[in-house]
Amino acid sequence: MITSTGISTWKGSWKEGNGTISTKTGYLKDAPVSYSSRFEGTTGASPEELLAAAHAACFNQAVANNAVMKNLETTSIYTTADIVLGFDETTGYPQIKSLHFNVESEIPGATQEQFEYFLERARVGCTISKIINQDVLPLTVSGKLIKS
């Protein structure tokens, strides 16, 4: 088994404080995070941005794996994962409203039907997708199969 570790620091109150986000491997080190970077779009990282990046990477590997199971090799996969963060209308607490993948991929020999099958299996089957309650959070995908 592999353990992946994220590290965060925080000093101060929720809206006026600030902190950092890092990974144990050091690939991400002391990225600044604050209320304003998370909720107001100012410079800095946010947990949701990091989740989106991680989910996009997981999704890409799942697409490639699904292609290989059909004896097809991916040439390229480019995925953006857009997390929409808002506030719950009832409680006023922060809430992820939706997550949408937009994918462009080149998979020589794949049909559009196969490509859509790969995307759907990745949408529900990548390890990060599996920990998200998709009955509560809309997790959608759109894709473009690039023909070479």
N, C-alpha and C. Protein backbone atom coordinates (compact mmCIF):
# COMPACT_ATOMS: atom_id res chain seq x y z
N MET A 1 0.84 -1.19 0.00
CA MET A 1 0.00 0.00 0.00
C MET A 1 0.88 1.24 0.00
N ILE A 2 0.36 2.29 -0.60
CA ILE A 2 1.06 3.57 -0.67
C ILE A 2 0.27 4.59 0.14
N THR A 3 0.96 5.35 0.95
CA THR A 3 0.33 6.44 1.70
C THR A 3 0.75 7.77 1.07
N SER A 4 -0.22 8.58 0.69
CA SER A 4 0.05 9.92 0.18
C SER A 4 -0.32 10.91 1.27
N THR A 5 0.54 11.91 1.48
CA THR A 5 0.33 12.83 2.60
C THR A 5 0.29 14.27 2.12
N GLY A 6 -0.77 14.95 2.49
CA GLY A 6 -0.89 16.39 2.30
C GLY A 6 -0.70 17.08 3.63
N ILE A 7 -0.14 18.27 3.60
CA ILE A 7 0.17 19.01 4.82
C ILE A 7 -0.37 20.43 4.67
N SER A 8 -0.98 20.94 5.71
CA SER A 8 -1.47 22.31 5.68
C SER A 8 -1.19 22.98 7.02
N THR A 9 -0.88 24.26 6.95
CA THR A 9 -0.73 25.09 8.15
C THR A 9 -1.77 26.18 8.08
N TRP A 10 -2.13 26.74 9.23
CA TRP A 10 -3.07 27.86 9.26
C TRP A 10 -2.79 28.70 10.50
N LYS A 11 -2.80 30.01 10.34
CA LYS A 11 -2.65 30.94 11.46
C LYS A 11 -3.70 32.02 11.32
N GLY A 12 -4.40 32.27 12.40
CA GLY A 12 -5.37 33.35 12.40
C GLY A 12 -6.79 32.87 12.20
N SER A 13 -7.68 33.84 12.10
CA SER A 13 -9.10 33.54 11.96
C SER A 13 -9.42 33.08 10.54
N TRP A 14 -10.67 32.67 10.35
CA TRP A 14 -11.08 32.12 9.06
C TRP A 14 -10.91 33.12 7.92
N LYS A 15 -11.41 34.33 8.09
CA LYS A 15 -11.37 35.30 6.99
C LYS A 15 -10.08 36.11 6.94
N GLU A 16 -9.44 36.33 8.06
CA GLU A 16 -8.23 37.16 8.08
C GLU A 16 -6.95 36.34 8.13
N GLY A 17 -7.05 35.06 8.47
CA GLY A 17 -5.87 34.21 8.58
C GLY A 17 -5.33 33.78 7.24
N ASN A 18 -4.26 33.01 7.29
CA ASN A 18 -3.67 32.45 6.08
C ASN A 18 -2.85 31.23 6.45
N GLY A 19 -2.49 30.47 5.44
CA GLY A 19 -1.72 29.27 5.69
C GLY A 19 -1.03 28.80 4.44
N THR A 20 -0.64 27.55 4.47
CA THR A 20 0.07 26.95 3.35
C THR A 20 -0.47 25.54 3.10
N ILE A 21 -0.25 25.08 1.89
CA ILE A 21 -0.56 23.70 1.50
C ILE A 21 0.71 23.12 0.89
N SER A 22 1.06 21.90 1.32
CA SER A 22 2.25 21.22 0.82
C SER A 22 1.96 19.74 0.66
N THR A 23 2.86 19.05 -0.03
CA THR A 23 2.81 17.60 -0.09
C THR A 23 4.09 17.08 0.56
N LYS A 24 3.99 15.88 1.13
CA LYS A 24 5.15 15.28 1.79
C LYS A 24 6.30 15.07 0.81
N THR A 25 5.97 14.80 -0.46
CA THR A 25 7.02 14.58 -1.46
C THR A 25 7.79 15.86 -1.78
N GLY A 26 7.18 17.00 -1.50
CA GLY A 26 7.82 18.27 -1.79
C GLY A 26 7.50 18.83 -3.17
N TYR A 27 6.72 18.12 -3.97
CA TYR A 27 6.36 18.65 -5.29
C TYR A 27 5.51 19.90 -5.17
N LEU A 28 4.74 19.99 -4.10
CA LEU A 28 4.02 21.21 -3.78
C LEU A 28 4.52 21.63 -2.41
N LYS A 29 5.10 22.82 -2.32
CA LYS A 29 5.71 23.23 -1.06
C LYS A 29 5.25 24.62 -0.68
N ASP A 30 4.55 24.69 0.44
CA ASP A 30 4.17 25.97 1.05
C ASP A 30 3.41 26.89 0.10
N ALA A 31 2.50 26.33 -0.69
CA ALA A 31 1.64 27.17 -1.54
C ALA A 31 0.72 27.96 -0.61
N PRO A 32 0.65 29.28 -0.78
CA PRO A 32 -0.17 30.08 0.13
C PRO A 32 -1.66 29.84 -0.10
N VAL A 33 -2.42 29.81 1.00
CA VAL A 33 -3.87 29.66 0.94
C VAL A 33 -4.48 30.62 1.95
N SER A 34 -5.60 31.20 1.55
CA SER A 34 -6.29 32.14 2.43
C SER A 34 -7.78 32.12 2.10
N TYR A 35 -8.57 32.77 2.92
CA TYR A 35 -9.99 32.90 2.64
C TYR A 35 -10.17 33.53 1.26
N SER A 36 -9.43 34.59 0.99
CA SER A 36 -9.62 35.30 -0.28
C SER A 36 -9.17 34.47 -1.48
N SER A 37 -8.12 33.64 -1.33
CA SER A 37 -7.71 32.80 -2.47
C SER A 37 -8.72 31.69 -2.71
N ARG A 38 -9.40 31.29 -1.65
CA ARG A 38 -10.38 30.21 -1.79
C ARG A 38 -11.75 30.70 -2.24
N PHE A 39 -12.21 31.81 -1.71
CA PHE A 39 -13.59 32.25 -1.94
C PHE A 39 -13.73 33.50 -2.79
N GLU A 40 -12.63 34.22 -3.01
CA GLU A 40 -12.72 35.49 -3.75
C GLU A 40 -11.85 35.53 -4.99
N GLY A 41 -11.12 34.45 -5.26
CA GLY A 41 -10.35 34.37 -6.50
C GLY A 41 -9.05 35.15 -6.52
N THR A 42 -8.53 35.54 -5.36
CA THR A 42 -7.25 36.24 -5.34
C THR A 42 -6.11 35.24 -5.50
N THR A 43 -4.91 35.73 -5.64
CA THR A 43 -3.74 34.89 -5.83
C THR A 43 -3.55 33.95 -4.65
N GLY A 44 -3.26 32.72 -4.95
CA GLY A 44 -3.02 31.71 -3.94
C GLY A 44 -3.76 30.43 -4.29
N ALA A 45 -3.48 29.40 -3.53
CA ALA A 45 -4.08 28.09 -3.78
C ALA A 45 -5.40 27.96 -3.03
N SER A 46 -6.10 26.88 -3.36
CA SER A 46 -7.30 26.53 -2.61
C SER A 46 -7.39 25.00 -2.56
N PRO A 47 -8.00 24.46 -1.51
CA PRO A 47 -8.17 23.01 -1.45
C PRO A 47 -8.92 22.47 -2.66
N GLU A 48 -9.91 23.22 -3.12
CA GLU A 48 -10.72 22.76 -4.25
C GLU A 48 -9.89 22.70 -5.54
N GLU A 49 -9.00 23.66 -5.74
CA GLU A 49 -8.13 23.65 -6.91
C GLU A 49 -7.22 22.41 -6.89
N LEU A 50 -6.69 22.10 -5.73
CA LEU A 50 -5.83 20.92 -5.61
C LEU A 50 -6.61 19.63 -5.81
N LEU A 51 -7.82 19.59 -5.27
CA LEU A 51 -8.69 18.43 -5.49
C LEU A 51 -9.00 18.28 -6.97
N ALA A 52 -9.28 19.38 -7.65
CA ALA A 52 -9.57 19.34 -9.08
C ALA A 52 -8.38 18.80 -9.87
N ALA A 53 -7.18 19.26 -9.55
CA ALA A 53 -5.98 18.79 -10.25
C ALA A 53 -5.75 17.31 -10.00
N ALA A 54 -5.89 16.89 -8.75
CA ALA A 54 -5.70 15.48 -8.41
C ALA A 54 -6.75 14.62 -9.11
N HIS A 55 -7.98 15.10 -9.13
CA HIS A 55 -9.06 14.34 -9.76
C HIS A 55 -8.85 14.24 -11.26
N ALA A 56 -8.36 15.30 -11.90
CA ALA A 56 -8.07 15.26 -13.33
C ALA A 56 -6.99 14.22 -13.64
N ALA A 57 -5.96 14.16 -12.80
CA ALA A 57 -4.88 13.17 -13.00
C ALA A 57 -5.41 11.75 -12.83
N CYS A 58 -6.22 11.53 -11.80
CA CYS A 58 -6.83 10.22 -11.55
C CYS A 58 -7.72 9.83 -12.73
N PHE A 59 -8.51 10.78 -13.20
CA PHE A 59 -9.43 10.56 -14.31
C PHE A 59 -8.65 10.15 -15.57
N ASN A 60 -7.55 10.87 -15.88
CA ASN A 60 -6.75 10.56 -17.07
C ASN A 60 -6.21 9.14 -17.01
N GLN A 61 -5.71 8.74 -15.85
CA GLN A 61 -5.18 7.39 -15.73
C GLN A 61 -6.28 6.36 -15.91
N ALA A 62 -7.48 6.66 -15.42
CA ALA A 62 -8.60 5.74 -15.59
C ALA A 62 -9.00 5.63 -17.06
N VAL A 63 -9.01 6.74 -17.79
CA VAL A 63 -9.32 6.69 -19.23
C VAL A 63 -8.30 5.83 -19.95
N ALA A 64 -7.01 6.06 -19.66
CA ALA A 64 -5.94 5.28 -20.31
C ALA A 64 -6.08 3.79 -19.99
N ASN A 65 -6.42 3.48 -18.75
CA ASN A 65 -6.60 2.09 -18.33
C ASN A 65 -7.79 1.46 -19.05
N ASN A 66 -8.89 2.20 -19.16
CA ASN A 66 -10.06 1.67 -19.87
C ASN A 66 -9.76 1.42 -21.33
N ALA A 67 -8.97 2.29 -21.95
CA ALA A 67 -8.58 2.09 -23.35
C ALA A 67 -7.75 0.83 -23.51
N VAL A 68 -6.78 0.64 -22.63
CA VAL A 68 -5.90 -0.53 -22.70
C VAL A 68 -6.70 -1.82 -22.54
N MET A 69 -7.74 -1.79 -21.73
CA MET A 69 -8.58 -2.98 -21.55
C MET A 69 -9.30 -3.36 -22.84
N LYS A 70 -9.39 -2.41 -23.78
CA LYS A 70 -9.99 -2.68 -25.10
C LYS A 70 -8.91 -2.75 -26.18
N ASN A 71 -7.66 -2.99 -25.74
CA ASN A 71 -6.50 -3.11 -26.64
C ASN A 71 -6.23 -1.85 -27.45
N LEU A 72 -6.49 -0.69 -26.85
CA LEU A 72 -6.20 0.59 -27.48
C LEU A 72 -5.23 1.36 -26.60
N GLU A 73 -4.33 2.10 -27.22
CA GLU A 73 -3.36 2.92 -26.48
C GLU A 73 -3.67 4.40 -26.68
N THR A 74 -3.71 5.13 -25.60
CA THR A 74 -3.93 6.57 -25.72
C THR A 74 -2.64 7.24 -26.15
N THR A 75 -2.76 8.19 -27.07
CA THR A 75 -1.62 9.01 -27.47
C THR A 75 -1.53 10.22 -26.55
N SER A 76 -2.69 10.81 -26.24
CA SER A 76 -2.72 11.97 -25.35
C SER A 76 -4.10 12.10 -24.71
N ILE A 77 -4.09 12.64 -23.49
CA ILE A 77 -5.34 12.97 -22.80
C ILE A 77 -5.10 14.30 -22.10
N TYR A 78 -5.95 15.26 -22.37
CA TYR A 78 -5.87 16.57 -21.72
C TYR A 78 -7.21 16.80 -21.03
N THR A 79 -7.17 16.91 -19.71
CA THR A 79 -8.40 17.04 -18.93
C THR A 79 -8.35 18.25 -18.02
N THR A 80 -9.42 19.02 -18.03
CA THR A 80 -9.60 20.03 -16.99
C THR A 80 -10.74 19.55 -16.10
N ALA A 81 -10.59 19.77 -14.82
CA ALA A 81 -11.64 19.45 -13.86
C ALA A 81 -12.03 20.77 -13.20
N ASP A 82 -13.26 21.18 -13.41
CA ASP A 82 -13.75 22.45 -12.86
C ASP A 82 -14.65 22.17 -11.67
N ILE A 83 -14.20 22.60 -10.50
CA ILE A 83 -15.00 22.50 -9.28
C ILE A 83 -15.65 23.85 -9.05
N VAL A 84 -16.96 23.85 -8.89
CA VAL A 84 -17.69 25.08 -8.57
C VAL A 84 -17.94 25.09 -7.07
N LEU A 85 -17.39 26.09 -6.39
CA LEU A 85 -17.55 26.25 -4.95
C LEU A 85 -18.52 27.38 -4.68
N GLY A 86 -19.46 27.13 -3.82
CA GLY A 86 -20.43 28.16 -3.44
C GLY A 86 -20.78 27.99 -1.98
N PHE A 87 -21.93 28.45 -1.63
CA PHE A 87 -22.39 28.36 -0.25
C PHE A 87 -23.76 27.70 -0.23
N ASP A 88 -23.98 26.82 0.74
CA ASP A 88 -25.26 26.16 0.91
C ASP A 88 -26.33 27.21 1.20
N GLU A 89 -27.43 27.14 0.47
CA GLU A 89 -28.49 28.14 0.60
C GLU A 89 -29.16 28.10 1.97
N THR A 90 -29.18 26.94 2.60
CA THR A 90 -29.84 26.78 3.90
C THR A 90 -28.92 27.14 5.06
N THR A 91 -27.71 26.59 5.05
CA THR A 91 -26.81 26.77 6.19
C THR A 91 -25.85 27.94 6.03
N GLY A 92 -25.57 28.33 4.79
CA GLY A 92 -24.58 29.37 4.53
C GLY A 92 -23.15 28.85 4.55
N TYR A 93 -22.97 27.54 4.75
CA TYR A 93 -21.63 26.95 4.80
C TYR A 93 -21.09 26.74 3.39
N PRO A 94 -19.76 26.76 3.24
CA PRO A 94 -19.17 26.47 1.94
C PRO A 94 -19.58 25.08 1.46
N GLN A 95 -19.78 24.98 0.15
CA GLN A 95 -20.23 23.71 -0.42
C GLN A 95 -19.75 23.61 -1.86
N ILE A 96 -19.20 22.44 -2.21
CA ILE A 96 -18.88 22.17 -3.61
C ILE A 96 -20.20 21.89 -4.32
N LYS A 97 -20.50 22.69 -5.34
CA LYS A 97 -21.78 22.59 -6.05
C LYS A 97 -21.73 21.59 -7.20
N SER A 98 -20.59 21.53 -7.89
CA SER A 98 -20.49 20.60 -9.02
C SER A 98 -19.03 20.41 -9.39
N LEU A 99 -18.80 19.35 -10.17
CA LEU A 99 -17.48 19.06 -10.71
C LEU A 99 -17.69 18.59 -12.14
N HIS A 100 -17.01 19.24 -13.07
CA HIS A 100 -17.17 18.89 -14.48
C HIS A 100 -15.79 18.65 -15.10
N PHE A 101 -15.67 17.53 -15.79
CA PHE A 101 -14.46 17.22 -16.55
C PHE A 101 -14.68 17.62 -18.01
N ASN A 102 -13.68 18.25 -18.59
CA ASN A 102 -13.68 18.50 -20.02
C ASN A 102 -12.41 17.83 -20.57
N VAL A 103 -12.60 16.91 -21.50
CA VAL A 103 -11.52 16.03 -21.93
C VAL A 103 -11.30 16.13 -23.44
N GLU A 104 -10.05 16.20 -23.84
CA GLU A 104 -9.66 16.02 -25.24
C GLU A 104 -8.64 14.90 -25.26
N SER A 105 -8.87 13.92 -26.12
CA SER A 105 -7.99 12.76 -26.12
C SER A 105 -7.79 12.24 -27.53
N GLU A 106 -6.60 11.75 -27.75
CA GLU A 106 -6.29 11.07 -29.01
C GLU A 106 -6.06 9.59 -28.67
N ILE A 107 -6.92 8.75 -29.20
CA ILE A 107 -6.82 7.31 -28.98
C ILE A 107 -6.97 6.65 -30.36
N PRO A 108 -5.86 6.41 -31.05
CA PRO A 108 -5.94 5.84 -32.40
C PRO A 108 -6.76 4.55 -32.42
N GLY A 109 -7.71 4.51 -33.37
CA GLY A 109 -8.55 3.34 -33.56
C GLY A 109 -9.81 3.32 -32.72
N ALA A 110 -9.95 4.26 -31.78
CA ALA A 110 -11.15 4.28 -30.93
C ALA A 110 -12.32 4.91 -31.67
N THR A 111 -13.49 4.34 -31.45
CA THR A 111 -14.70 4.96 -31.98
C THR A 111 -15.22 5.97 -30.96
N GLN A 112 -16.13 6.83 -31.39
CA GLN A 112 -16.75 7.78 -30.47
C GLN A 112 -17.48 7.04 -29.36
N GLU A 113 -18.14 5.94 -29.70
CA GLU A 113 -18.87 5.15 -28.70
C GLU A 113 -17.90 4.58 -27.64
N GLN A 114 -16.76 4.06 -28.10
CA GLN A 114 -15.78 3.55 -27.15
C GLN A 114 -15.25 4.66 -26.25
N PHE A 115 -14.96 5.81 -26.86
CA PHE A 115 -14.43 6.95 -26.11
C PHE A 115 -15.42 7.36 -25.02
N GLU A 116 -16.68 7.47 -25.36
CA GLU A 116 -17.69 7.84 -24.37
C GLU A 116 -17.79 6.79 -23.26
N TYR A 117 -17.62 5.54 -23.61
CA TYR A 117 -17.59 4.46 -22.62
C TYR A 117 -16.39 4.63 -21.67
N PHE A 118 -15.22 4.95 -22.22
CA PHE A 118 -14.03 5.17 -21.39
C PHE A 118 -14.25 6.34 -20.43
N LEU A 119 -14.84 7.42 -20.94
CA LEU A 119 -15.09 8.60 -20.11
C LEU A 119 -16.06 8.29 -18.98
N GLU A 120 -17.12 7.57 -19.29
CA GLU A 120 -18.11 7.26 -18.26
C GLU A 120 -17.52 6.34 -17.19
N ARG A 121 -16.78 5.34 -17.62
CA ARG A 121 -16.15 4.45 -16.62
C ARG A 121 -15.16 5.22 -15.75
N ALA A 122 -14.43 6.15 -16.32
CA ALA A 122 -13.49 6.96 -15.54
C ALA A 122 -14.25 7.90 -14.60
N ARG A 123 -15.35 8.46 -15.07
CA ARG A 123 -16.16 9.39 -14.26
C ARG A 123 -16.62 8.73 -12.97
N VAL A 124 -17.08 7.51 -13.06
CA VAL A 124 -17.59 6.83 -11.86
C VAL A 124 -16.57 5.92 -11.19
N GLY A 125 -15.49 5.57 -11.90
CA GLY A 125 -14.61 4.54 -11.39
C GLY A 125 -13.23 4.94 -10.94
N CYS A 126 -12.76 6.15 -11.26
CA CYS A 126 -11.42 6.50 -10.76
C CYS A 126 -11.49 6.59 -9.24
N THR A 127 -10.38 6.36 -8.59
CA THR A 127 -10.40 6.23 -7.13
C THR A 127 -10.93 7.47 -6.43
N ILE A 128 -10.66 8.64 -6.96
CA ILE A 128 -11.18 9.86 -6.32
C ILE A 128 -12.68 9.99 -6.57
N SER A 129 -13.14 9.63 -7.76
CA SER A 129 -14.58 9.64 -8.03
C SER A 129 -15.33 8.74 -7.06
N LYS A 130 -14.72 7.63 -6.71
CA LYS A 130 -15.39 6.67 -5.84
C LYS A 130 -15.63 7.21 -4.43
N ILE A 131 -14.85 8.20 -3.99
CA ILE A 131 -15.07 8.71 -2.63
C ILE A 131 -16.02 9.91 -2.61
N ILE A 132 -16.50 10.31 -3.78
CA ILE A 132 -17.44 11.42 -3.88
C ILE A 132 -18.85 10.86 -4.01
N ASN A 133 -19.76 11.36 -3.21
CA ASN A 133 -21.15 10.92 -3.28
C ASN A 133 -21.78 11.57 -4.51
N GLN A 134 -21.84 10.82 -5.61
CA GLN A 134 -22.32 11.37 -6.86
C GLN A 134 -23.84 11.53 -6.89
N ASP A 135 -24.52 11.03 -5.85
CA ASP A 135 -25.96 11.29 -5.74
C ASP A 135 -26.21 12.71 -5.24
N VAL A 136 -25.21 13.29 -4.58
CA VAL A 136 -25.33 14.63 -4.02
C VAL A 136 -24.62 15.66 -4.88
N LEU A 137 -23.43 15.32 -5.38
CA LEU A 137 -22.61 16.24 -6.15
C LEU A 137 -22.68 15.89 -7.63
N PRO A 138 -23.19 16.78 -8.47
CA PRO A 138 -23.17 16.51 -9.90
C PRO A 138 -21.73 16.42 -10.41
N LEU A 139 -21.38 15.29 -11.00
CA LEU A 139 -20.04 15.06 -11.54
C LEU A 139 -20.25 14.70 -13.01
N THR A 140 -19.99 15.66 -13.88
CA THR A 140 -20.30 15.50 -15.30
C THR A 140 -19.02 15.51 -16.14
N VAL A 141 -19.14 15.05 -17.36
CA VAL A 141 -17.99 15.00 -18.26
C VAL A 141 -18.44 15.28 -19.69
N SER A 142 -17.58 16.02 -20.41
CA SER A 142 -17.76 16.17 -21.85
C SER A 142 -16.39 15.93 -22.49
N GLY A 143 -16.41 15.34 -23.67
CA GLY A 143 -15.15 14.99 -24.28
C GLY A 143 -15.13 15.14 -25.77
N LYS A 144 -13.90 15.28 -26.27
CA LYS A 144 -13.67 15.39 -27.70
C LYS A 144 -12.60 14.37 -28.07
N LEU A 145 -12.95 13.44 -28.94
CA LEU A 145 -12.00 12.45 -29.43
C LEU A 145 -11.32 13.05 -30.65
N ILE A 146 -10.01 13.18 -30.55
CA ILE A 146 -9.22 13.77 -31.64
C ILE A 146 -8.78 12.66 -32.56
N LYS A 147 -9.09 12.79 -33.81
CA LYS A 147 -8.69 11.79 -34.82
C LYS A 147 -7.39 12.24 -35.46
N SER A 148 -6.43 11.32 -35.53
CA SER A 148 -5.13 11.68 -36.13
C SER A 148 -5.05 11.26 -37.57
